[in-house]
Amino acid sequence: MRRSRVDRRSRTTLPSRVRKAPGIRPGEDDLGWEIRGTHVIARRATESEAEQDPALLPFLRLLEHDVAAHPDRLRTMPEDLRQRLLTVTGGLDVDLDETIEGAVAL
């Protein structure tokens, strides 16, 4: 395990091997922080991650925790709703990896 000390102003220096593993460039890259209970995961953040809605990841974590804690609450989609969705979207060519441009209303 690599270690570094946190100073009185909550700063630390990333050891060289820690910076080099994910390709972190000092003065150029941002770090992304993820909290999982008492563990903190730091990684090089991509530009798109830096621009994401700050509420999205906490909301997804909440859902993940809720599903894990209460799997009995999960329900299948009613067949009539599934059929209606297939009818409404039938024939549409969808690229799930395509970038969404502009505002999205849900």
C-alpha atoms as a PDB file:
ATOM      1  CA  MET A   1       0.000   0.000   0.000  1.00  0.00           C
ATOM      2  CA  ARG A   2       1.271   3.482  -0.864  1.00  0.00           C
ATOM      3  CA  ARG A   3       0.868   6.144   1.816  1.00  0.00           C
ATOM      4  CA  SER A   4       1.003   9.910   2.083  1.00  0.00           C
ATOM      5  CA  ARG A   5       0.348  12.184   5.037  1.00  0.00           C
ATOM      6  CA  VAL A   6      -2.482  14.717   5.108  1.00  0.00           C
ATOM      7  CA  ASP A   7      -1.278  18.081   6.373  1.00  0.00           C
ATOM      8  CA  ARG A   8      -3.152  20.512   8.655  1.00  0.00           C
ATOM      9  CA  ARG A   9      -4.819  22.144   5.636  1.00  0.00           C
ATOM     10  CA  SER A  10      -6.139  18.739   4.436  1.00  0.00           C
ATOM     11  CA  ARG A  11      -3.612  18.584   1.571  1.00  0.00           C
ATOM     12  CA  THR A  12      -1.529  15.610   0.539  1.00  0.00           C
ATOM     13  CA  THR A  13       0.972  14.682  -2.146  1.00  0.00           C
ATOM     14  CA  LEU A  14       0.149  11.788  -4.428  1.00  0.00           C
ATOM     15  CA  PRO A  15       3.053   9.361  -4.568  1.00  0.00           C
ATOM     16  CA  SER A  16       4.601   9.045  -8.029  1.00  0.00           C
ATOM     17  CA  ARG A  17       3.328   5.489  -8.573  1.00  0.00           C
ATOM     18  CA  VAL A  18      -0.183   6.518  -7.563  1.00  0.00           C
ATOM     19  CA  ARG A  19      -0.160   9.397 -10.090  1.00  0.00           C
ATOM     20  CA  LYS A  20       1.325   7.308 -12.874  1.00  0.00           C
ATOM     21  CA  ALA A  21      -0.993   4.281 -12.567  1.00  0.00           C
ATOM     22  CA  PRO A  22      -4.104   6.109 -13.891  1.00  0.00           C
ATOM     23  CA  GLY A  23      -2.033   8.620 -15.901  1.00  0.00           C
ATOM     24  CA  ILE A  24      -2.695  11.645 -13.687  1.00  0.00           C
ATOM     25  CA  ARG A  25      -0.870  14.735 -14.986  1.00  0.00           C
ATOM     26  CA  PRO A  26      -0.070  17.304 -12.269  1.00  0.00           C
ATOM     27  CA  GLY A  27      -1.581  20.697 -13.072  1.00  0.00           C
ATOM     28  CA  GLU A  28      -3.735  19.253 -15.870  1.00  0.00           C
ATOM     29  CA  ASP A  29      -6.059  16.559 -14.528  1.00  0.00           C
ATOM     30  CA  ASP A  30      -8.900  16.558 -12.022  1.00  0.00           C
ATOM     31  CA  LEU A  31      -9.518  13.788  -9.515  1.00  0.00           C
ATOM     32  CA  GLY A  32     -12.876  12.126  -9.082  1.00  0.00           C
ATOM     33  CA  TRP A  33     -13.755  11.006  -5.535  1.00  0.00           C
ATOM     34  CA  GLU A  34     -16.198   8.257  -4.691  1.00  0.00           C
ATOM     35  CA  ILE A  35     -17.216   7.434  -1.122  1.00  0.00           C
ATOM     36  CA  ARG A  36     -18.227   3.855  -0.323  1.00  0.00           C
ATOM     37  CA  GLY A  37     -18.909   3.581   3.382  1.00  0.00           C
ATOM     38  CA  THR A  38     -15.550   4.170   5.079  1.00  0.00           C
ATOM     39  CA  HIS A  39     -13.579   3.745   1.840  1.00  0.00           C
ATOM     40  CA  VAL A  40     -12.706   6.554  -0.561  1.00  0.00           C
ATOM     41  CA  ILE A  41     -11.791   5.868  -4.170  1.00  0.00           C
ATOM     42  CA  ALA A  42      -9.854   8.507  -6.075  1.00  0.00           C
ATOM     43  CA  ARG A  43      -9.352   8.347  -9.832  1.00  0.00           C
ATOM     44  CA  ARG A  44      -8.572  10.556 -12.773  1.00  0.00           C
ATOM     45  CA  ALA A  45     -11.809  12.295 -13.723  1.00  0.00           C
ATOM     46  CA  THR A  46     -12.737  12.666 -17.363  1.00  0.00           C
ATOM     47  CA  GLU A  47     -14.036  15.970 -18.673  1.00  0.00           C
ATOM     48  CA  SER A  48     -17.559  14.585 -19.041  1.00  0.00           C
ATOM     49  CA  GLU A  49     -17.555  13.401 -15.410  1.00  0.00           C
ATOM     50  CA  ALA A  50     -16.573  16.884 -14.254  1.00  0.00           C
ATOM     51  CA  GLU A  51     -19.599  18.317 -16.090  1.00  0.00           C
ATOM     52  CA  GLN A  52     -22.163  15.761 -14.884  1.00  0.00           C
ATOM     53  CA  ASP A  53     -25.120  16.594 -12.702  1.00  0.00           C
ATOM     54  CA  PRO A  54     -23.750  16.456  -9.137  1.00  0.00           C
ATOM     55  CA  ALA A  55     -26.957  14.785  -7.927  1.00  0.00           C
ATOM     56  CA  LEU A  56     -26.845  11.876 -10.394  1.00  0.00           C
ATOM     57  CA  LEU A  57     -24.195   9.701  -8.748  1.00  0.00           C
ATOM     58  CA  PRO A  58     -25.600  10.082  -5.202  1.00  0.00           C
ATOM     59  CA  PHE A  59     -29.080   9.230  -6.553  1.00  0.00           C
ATOM     60  CA  LEU A  60     -27.768   6.120  -8.329  1.00  0.00           C
ATOM     61  CA  ARG A  61     -25.994   5.061  -5.122  1.00  0.00           C
ATOM     62  CA  LEU A  62     -29.254   5.510  -3.219  1.00  0.00           C
ATOM     63  CA  LEU A  63     -31.047   3.281  -5.724  1.00  0.00           C
ATOM     64  CA  GLU A  64     -28.274   0.685  -5.559  1.00  0.00           C
ATOM     65  CA  HIS A  65     -28.454   0.621  -1.763  1.00  0.00           C
ATOM     66  CA  ASP A  66     -32.250   0.423  -1.762  1.00  0.00           C
ATOM     67  CA  VAL A  67     -32.324  -2.467  -4.250  1.00  0.00           C
ATOM     68  CA  ALA A  68     -29.672  -4.345  -2.260  1.00  0.00           C
ATOM     69  CA  ALA A  69     -31.497  -3.750   1.029  1.00  0.00           C
ATOM     70  CA  HIS A  70     -35.006  -4.485  -0.291  1.00  0.00           C
ATOM     71  CA  PRO A  71     -34.882  -6.823  -3.302  1.00  0.00           C
ATOM     72  CA  ASP A  72     -38.446  -7.881  -2.489  1.00  0.00           C
ATOM     73  CA  ARG A  73     -39.647  -4.437  -3.660  1.00  0.00           C
ATOM     74  CA  LEU A  74     -38.577  -5.082  -7.266  1.00  0.00           C
ATOM     75  CA  ARG A  75     -41.435  -5.769  -9.661  1.00  0.00           C
ATOM     76  CA  THR A  76     -41.566  -6.788 -13.285  1.00  0.00           C
ATOM     77  CA  MET A  77     -43.038  -4.432 -15.839  1.00  0.00           C
ATOM     78  CA  PRO A  78     -46.717  -5.207 -16.496  1.00  0.00           C
ATOM     79  CA  GLU A  79     -47.157  -6.939 -19.866  1.00  0.00           C
ATOM     80  CA  ASP A  80     -49.654  -4.344 -21.161  1.00  0.00           C
ATOM     81  CA  LEU A  81     -47.152  -1.531 -20.495  1.00  0.00           C
ATOM     82  CA  ARG A  82     -44.368  -3.498 -22.201  1.00  0.00           C
ATOM     83  CA  GLN A  83     -46.541  -4.052 -25.254  1.00  0.00           C
ATOM     84  CA  ARG A  84     -47.517  -0.381 -25.397  1.00  0.00           C
ATOM     85  CA  LEU A  85     -43.842   0.676 -25.206  1.00  0.00           C
ATOM     86  CA  LEU A  86     -42.996  -1.705 -28.038  1.00  0.00           C
ATOM     87  CA  THR A  87     -45.854  -0.277 -30.109  1.00  0.00           C
ATOM     88  CA  VAL A  88     -44.853   3.345 -29.484  1.00  0.00           C
ATOM     89  CA  THR A  89     -41.150   2.756 -30.142  1.00  0.00           C
ATOM     90  CA  GLY A  90     -41.521   0.160 -32.890  1.00  0.00           C
ATOM     91  CA  GLY A  91     -39.267   0.795 -35.871  1.00  0.00           C
ATOM     92  CA  LEU A  92     -37.089   3.370 -34.095  1.00  0.00           C
ATOM     93  CA  ASP A  93     -33.352   2.960 -34.645  1.00  0.00           C
ATOM     94  CA  VAL A  94     -31.669   3.828 -31.337  1.00  0.00           C
ATOM     95  CA  ASP A  95     -27.933   4.137 -30.691  1.00  0.00           C
ATOM     96  CA  LEU A  96     -27.576   3.747 -26.917  1.00  0.00           C
ATOM     97  CA  ASP A  97     -24.018   5.111 -27.079  1.00  0.00           C
ATOM     98  CA  GLU A  98     -24.988   8.302 -28.921  1.00  0.00           C
ATOM     99  CA  THR A  99     -24.276  11.528 -27.033  1.00  0.00           C
ATOM    100  CA  ILE A 100     -27.405  13.456 -26.031  1.00  0.00           C
ATOM    101  CA  GLU A 101     -27.150  17.103 -27.057  1.00  0.00           C
ATOM    102  CA  GLY A 102     -29.000  19.903 -25.267  1.00  0.00           C
ATOM    103  CA  ALA A 103     -31.506  19.829 -22.430  1.00  0.00           C
ATOM    104  CA  VAL A 104     -33.504  16.690 -21.679  1.00  0.00           C
ATOM    105  CA  ALA A 105     -36.982  16.828 -20.162  1.00  0.00           C
ATOM    106  CA  LEU A 106     -38.159  13.753 -18.308  1.00  0.00           C
END
